[in-house]
């Protein structure tokens, strides 16, 4: 490898290390629900814990509308997540005790 190539690789490496992470993740809890809206690169989706429960959508409002629909698919998703994640189950039980 020539000196010019080595300097170019070193310069590219420094430039990449100086750039901040350009991907911004936005999390917005949905009030009175166990769901969160996640935004990444102008796309939004609903999540529960670490699990995505909707397809990516263009707006937060679309996601809120989608997660507010009580369908058999949503019921099964929530049951599977709650049974798979003890932490979520504990949080839901604590909310019930406070209410």
N, C-alpha and C. Protein backbone atom coordinates (compact mmCIF):
# COMPACT_ATOMS: atom_id res chain seq x y z
N UNK A 1 0.85 -1.17 0.00
CA UNK A 1 0.00 0.00 0.00
C UNK A 1 0.90 1.24 0.00
N UNK A 2 0.54 2.19 -0.85
CA UNK A 2 1.35 3.41 -0.94
C UNK A 2 1.05 4.33 0.23
N UNK A 3 1.93 5.31 0.43
CA UNK A 3 1.75 6.29 1.50
C UNK A 3 0.49 7.11 1.27
N UNK A 4 0.22 7.43 0.00
CA UNK A 4 -0.98 8.21 -0.33
C UNK A 4 -2.24 7.45 0.06
N UNK A 5 -2.29 6.14 -0.22
CA UNK A 5 -3.45 5.33 0.14
C UNK A 5 -3.60 5.24 1.65
N UNK A 6 -2.49 5.07 2.35
CA UNK A 6 -2.53 4.98 3.81
C UNK A 6 -3.04 6.28 4.41
N UNK A 7 -2.58 7.42 3.91
CA UNK A 7 -3.05 8.71 4.41
C UNK A 7 -4.54 8.91 4.13
N UNK A 8 -4.98 8.47 2.97
CA UNK A 8 -6.39 8.59 2.61
C UNK A 8 -7.27 7.75 3.54
N UNK A 9 -6.83 6.53 3.83
CA UNK A 9 -7.58 5.66 4.74
C UNK A 9 -7.62 6.27 6.13
N UNK A 10 -6.49 6.79 6.59
CA UNK A 10 -6.43 7.41 7.92
C UNK A 10 -7.34 8.62 7.99
N UNK A 11 -7.34 9.45 6.94
CA UNK A 11 -8.18 10.64 6.91
C UNK A 11 -9.66 10.25 6.93
N UNK A 12 -10.05 9.25 6.13
CA UNK A 12 -11.45 8.79 6.13
C UNK A 12 -11.86 8.24 7.49
N UNK A 13 -10.96 7.53 8.13
CA UNK A 13 -11.24 6.98 9.44
C UNK A 13 -11.48 8.09 10.46
N UNK A 14 -10.65 9.14 10.43
CA UNK A 14 -10.82 10.26 11.36
C UNK A 14 -12.12 10.99 11.08
N UNK A 15 -12.47 11.18 9.81
CA UNK A 15 -13.70 11.88 9.47
C UNK A 15 -14.92 11.09 9.95
N UNK A 16 -14.90 9.78 9.80
CA UNK A 16 -16.02 8.96 10.23
C UNK A 16 -16.16 8.95 11.75
N UNK A 17 -15.04 8.99 12.46
CA UNK A 17 -15.10 8.99 13.91
C UNK A 17 -15.57 10.33 14.47
N UNK A 18 -15.36 11.42 13.73
CA UNK A 18 -15.76 12.74 14.20
C UNK A 18 -17.24 13.02 13.97
N UNK A 19 -17.86 12.29 13.02
CA UNK A 19 -19.27 12.54 12.72
C UNK A 19 -20.16 11.97 13.81
N UNK A 20 -21.12 12.77 14.29
CA UNK A 20 -22.05 12.22 15.28
C UNK A 20 -22.99 11.22 14.61
N UNK A 21 -23.58 10.37 15.41
CA UNK A 21 -24.53 9.40 14.89
C UNK A 21 -25.69 10.16 14.26
N UNK A 22 -25.92 9.99 12.97
CA UNK A 22 -26.92 10.76 12.26
C UNK A 22 -28.33 10.20 12.47
N UNK A 23 -28.46 8.98 12.97
CA UNK A 23 -29.77 8.39 13.17
C UNK A 23 -30.32 8.82 14.52
N UNK A 24 -31.48 9.47 14.51
CA UNK A 24 -32.11 9.95 15.73
C UNK A 24 -33.32 9.07 16.03
N UNK A 25 -33.40 8.57 17.24
CA UNK A 25 -34.52 7.74 17.64
C UNK A 25 -35.35 8.52 18.64
N UNK A 26 -36.66 8.62 18.36
CA UNK A 26 -37.58 9.35 19.23
C UNK A 26 -38.52 8.34 19.86
N UNK A 27 -38.69 8.43 21.18
CA UNK A 27 -39.62 7.55 21.90
C UNK A 27 -40.68 8.41 22.57
N UNK A 28 -41.94 8.06 22.34
CA UNK A 28 -43.04 8.82 22.92
C UNK A 28 -44.07 7.85 23.51
N UNK A 29 -44.15 7.77 24.84
CA UNK A 29 -45.15 6.87 25.45
C UNK A 29 -46.57 7.31 25.09
N UNK A 30 -47.44 6.36 24.88
CA UNK A 30 -48.85 6.65 24.62
C UNK A 30 -49.56 6.62 25.97
N UNK A 31 -50.17 7.72 26.31
CA UNK A 31 -50.80 7.88 27.62
C UNK A 31 -51.87 6.82 27.85
N UNK A 32 -51.91 6.31 29.08
CA UNK A 32 -52.88 5.29 29.51
C UNK A 32 -52.81 4.00 28.69
N UNK A 33 -51.61 3.65 28.26
CA UNK A 33 -51.43 2.38 27.55
C UNK A 33 -50.01 1.87 27.80
N UNK A 34 -49.77 0.60 27.52
CA UNK A 34 -48.41 0.06 27.66
C UNK A 34 -47.56 0.27 26.41
N UNK A 35 -48.08 1.03 25.45
CA UNK A 35 -47.42 1.18 24.16
C UNK A 35 -46.58 2.45 24.07
N UNK A 36 -45.60 2.41 23.18
CA UNK A 36 -44.72 3.55 22.91
C UNK A 36 -44.64 3.74 21.41
N UNK A 37 -44.60 5.00 20.99
CA UNK A 37 -44.37 5.30 19.58
C UNK A 37 -42.88 5.53 19.40
N UNK A 38 -42.30 4.86 18.42
CA UNK A 38 -40.88 4.99 18.12
C UNK A 38 -40.75 5.63 16.74
N UNK A 39 -39.90 6.66 16.65
CA UNK A 39 -39.65 7.32 15.38
C UNK A 39 -38.19 7.18 14.98
N UNK A 40 -37.97 6.70 13.76
CA UNK A 40 -36.62 6.56 13.21
C UNK A 40 -36.68 6.97 11.75
N UNK A 41 -35.89 7.97 11.39
CA UNK A 41 -35.77 8.42 10.00
C UNK A 41 -37.12 8.65 9.32
N UNK A 42 -37.95 9.49 9.90
CA UNK A 42 -39.25 9.88 9.35
C UNK A 42 -40.23 8.73 9.23
N UNK A 43 -40.01 7.64 9.93
CA UNK A 43 -40.94 6.52 9.99
C UNK A 43 -41.29 6.30 11.46
N UNK A 44 -42.54 5.93 11.72
CA UNK A 44 -43.02 5.73 13.08
C UNK A 44 -43.62 4.34 13.20
N UNK A 45 -43.47 3.71 14.37
CA UNK A 45 -44.12 2.43 14.61
C UNK A 45 -44.43 2.31 16.10
N UNK A 46 -45.38 1.43 16.40
CA UNK A 46 -45.75 1.19 17.78
C UNK A 46 -44.93 0.05 18.36
N UNK A 47 -44.64 0.17 19.67
CA UNK A 47 -43.89 -0.90 20.33
C UNK A 47 -44.46 -1.13 21.72
N UNK A 48 -44.16 -2.30 22.23
CA UNK A 48 -44.46 -2.63 23.63
C UNK A 48 -43.20 -3.28 24.16
N UNK A 49 -42.56 -2.58 25.09
CA UNK A 49 -41.26 -3.06 25.55
C UNK A 49 -40.28 -3.01 24.39
N UNK A 50 -39.58 -4.10 24.17
CA UNK A 50 -38.61 -4.13 23.08
C UNK A 50 -39.18 -4.72 21.79
N UNK A 51 -40.50 -4.92 21.76
CA UNK A 51 -41.14 -5.56 20.62
C UNK A 51 -41.92 -4.56 19.77
N UNK A 52 -41.70 -4.59 18.47
CA UNK A 52 -42.46 -3.76 17.54
C UNK A 52 -43.80 -4.43 17.29
N UNK A 53 -44.89 -3.68 17.40
CA UNK A 53 -46.21 -4.29 17.24
C UNK A 53 -46.98 -3.74 16.04
N UNK A 54 -46.43 -2.76 15.33
CA UNK A 54 -47.07 -2.26 14.11
C UNK A 54 -46.04 -2.18 13.00
N UNK A 55 -46.54 -2.05 11.80
CA UNK A 55 -45.67 -1.78 10.65
C UNK A 55 -45.25 -0.31 10.69
N UNK A 56 -44.14 0.05 10.06
CA UNK A 56 -43.75 1.46 10.00
C UNK A 56 -44.81 2.28 9.27
N UNK A 57 -45.04 3.49 9.78
CA UNK A 57 -46.05 4.40 9.21
C UNK A 57 -45.45 5.78 9.06
N UNK A 58 -46.16 6.66 8.35
CA UNK A 58 -45.64 7.99 8.06
C UNK A 58 -45.84 9.00 9.19
N UNK A 59 -46.88 8.81 10.03
CA UNK A 59 -47.14 9.79 11.09
C UNK A 59 -47.39 9.10 12.43
N UNK A 60 -47.18 9.87 13.50
CA UNK A 60 -47.45 9.37 14.84
C UNK A 60 -48.94 9.12 15.03
N UNK A 61 -49.77 9.97 14.42
CA UNK A 61 -51.21 9.83 14.56
C UNK A 61 -51.70 8.50 13.99
N UNK A 62 -51.12 8.08 12.86
CA UNK A 62 -51.48 6.78 12.28
C UNK A 62 -51.15 5.65 13.25
N UNK A 63 -50.00 5.76 13.91
CA UNK A 63 -49.59 4.73 14.86
C UNK A 63 -50.54 4.71 16.06
N UNK A 64 -50.87 5.90 16.60
CA UNK A 64 -51.80 5.96 17.74
C UNK A 64 -53.13 5.33 17.39
N UNK A 65 -53.62 5.63 16.20
CA UNK A 65 -54.90 5.06 15.75
C UNK A 65 -54.80 3.54 15.64
N UNK A 66 -53.69 3.06 15.08
CA UNK A 66 -53.51 1.62 14.89
C UNK A 66 -53.44 0.87 16.21
N UNK A 67 -52.67 1.37 17.18
CA UNK A 67 -52.54 0.64 18.45
C UNK A 67 -53.80 0.76 19.30
N UNK A 68 -54.65 1.74 19.02
CA UNK A 68 -55.89 1.87 19.79
C UNK A 68 -56.96 0.89 19.31
N UNK A 69 -56.77 0.28 18.14
CA UNK A 69 -57.72 -0.71 17.64
C UNK A 69 -57.55 -2.01 18.44
N UNK A 70 -58.65 -2.50 18.96
CA UNK A 70 -58.61 -3.75 19.71
C UNK A 70 -59.00 -4.87 18.76
N UNK A 71 -58.00 -5.55 18.25
CA UNK A 71 -58.22 -6.66 17.32
C UNK A 71 -57.67 -7.94 17.95
N UNK A 72 -58.06 -9.07 17.38
CA UNK A 72 -57.53 -10.33 17.89
C UNK A 72 -56.01 -10.39 17.73
N UNK A 73 -55.51 -9.85 16.64
CA UNK A 73 -54.05 -9.83 16.44
C UNK A 73 -53.36 -9.06 17.56
N UNK A 74 -53.91 -7.88 17.90
CA UNK A 74 -53.31 -7.06 18.95
C UNK A 74 -53.40 -7.77 20.30
N UNK A 75 -54.54 -8.39 20.58
CA UNK A 75 -54.71 -9.11 21.85
C UNK A 75 -53.67 -10.23 21.96
N UNK A 76 -53.50 -10.99 20.90
CA UNK A 76 -52.52 -12.09 20.91
C UNK A 76 -51.11 -11.53 21.08
N UNK A 77 -50.79 -10.44 20.39
CA UNK A 77 -49.46 -9.82 20.52
C UNK A 77 -49.19 -9.46 21.98
N UNK A 78 -50.14 -8.78 22.61
CA UNK A 78 -49.96 -8.32 23.99
C UNK A 78 -49.81 -9.51 24.94
N UNK A 79 -50.64 -10.53 24.77
CA UNK A 79 -50.53 -11.71 25.64
C UNK A 79 -49.17 -12.38 25.49
N UNK A 80 -48.70 -12.54 24.25
CA UNK A 80 -47.39 -13.16 24.04
C UNK A 80 -46.26 -12.33 24.64
N UNK A 81 -46.35 -11.02 24.49
CA UNK A 81 -45.29 -10.16 25.04
C UNK A 81 -45.31 -10.20 26.56
N UNK A 82 -46.48 -10.11 27.16
CA UNK A 82 -46.58 -10.11 28.62
C UNK A 82 -46.09 -11.43 29.20
N UNK A 83 -46.42 -12.53 28.56
CA UNK A 83 -45.96 -13.82 29.08
C UNK A 83 -44.47 -14.05 28.82
N UNK A 84 -43.93 -13.43 27.78
CA UNK A 84 -42.51 -13.60 27.46
C UNK A 84 -41.61 -12.68 28.27
N UNK A 85 -42.15 -11.55 28.71
CA UNK A 85 -41.33 -10.55 29.40
C UNK A 85 -41.81 -10.35 30.84
N UNK A 86 -41.16 -10.98 31.81
CA UNK A 86 -41.57 -10.83 33.21
C UNK A 86 -41.54 -9.37 33.68
N UNK A 87 -40.61 -8.58 33.16
CA UNK A 87 -40.50 -7.18 33.58
C UNK A 87 -41.77 -6.41 33.23
N UNK A 88 -42.32 -6.63 32.04
CA UNK A 88 -43.54 -5.95 31.63
C UNK A 88 -44.70 -6.40 32.51
N UNK A 89 -44.76 -7.68 32.80
CA UNK A 89 -45.82 -8.21 33.65
C UNK A 89 -45.77 -7.56 35.03
N UNK A 90 -44.58 -7.42 35.60
CA UNK A 90 -44.42 -6.78 36.91
C UNK A 90 -44.86 -5.31 36.87
N UNK A 91 -44.50 -4.59 35.80
CA UNK A 91 -44.90 -3.19 35.67
C UNK A 91 -46.41 -3.05 35.59
N UNK A 92 -47.06 -3.93 34.85
CA UNK A 92 -48.52 -3.89 34.74
C UNK A 92 -49.18 -4.19 36.08
N UNK A 93 -48.63 -5.15 36.82
CA UNK A 93 -49.18 -5.48 38.14
C UNK A 93 -49.01 -4.31 39.10
N UNK A 94 -47.88 -3.59 39.04
CA UNK A 94 -47.68 -2.43 39.91
C UNK A 94 -48.67 -1.33 39.58
N UNK A 95 -48.95 -1.11 38.29
CA UNK A 95 -49.93 -0.10 37.91
C UNK A 95 -51.30 -0.45 38.45
N UNK A 96 -51.67 -1.74 38.42
CA UNK A 96 -52.96 -2.18 38.92
C UNK A 96 -53.06 -1.95 40.42
N UNK A 97 -51.98 -2.20 41.16
CA UNK A 97 -51.97 -2.01 42.61
C UNK A 97 -52.15 -0.54 42.98
N UNK A 98 -51.56 0.35 42.20
CA UNK A 98 -51.66 1.78 42.47
C UNK A 98 -53.06 2.33 42.15
N UNK A 99 -53.73 1.71 41.20
CA UNK A 99 -55.04 2.21 40.76
C UNK A 99 -56.15 1.91 41.74
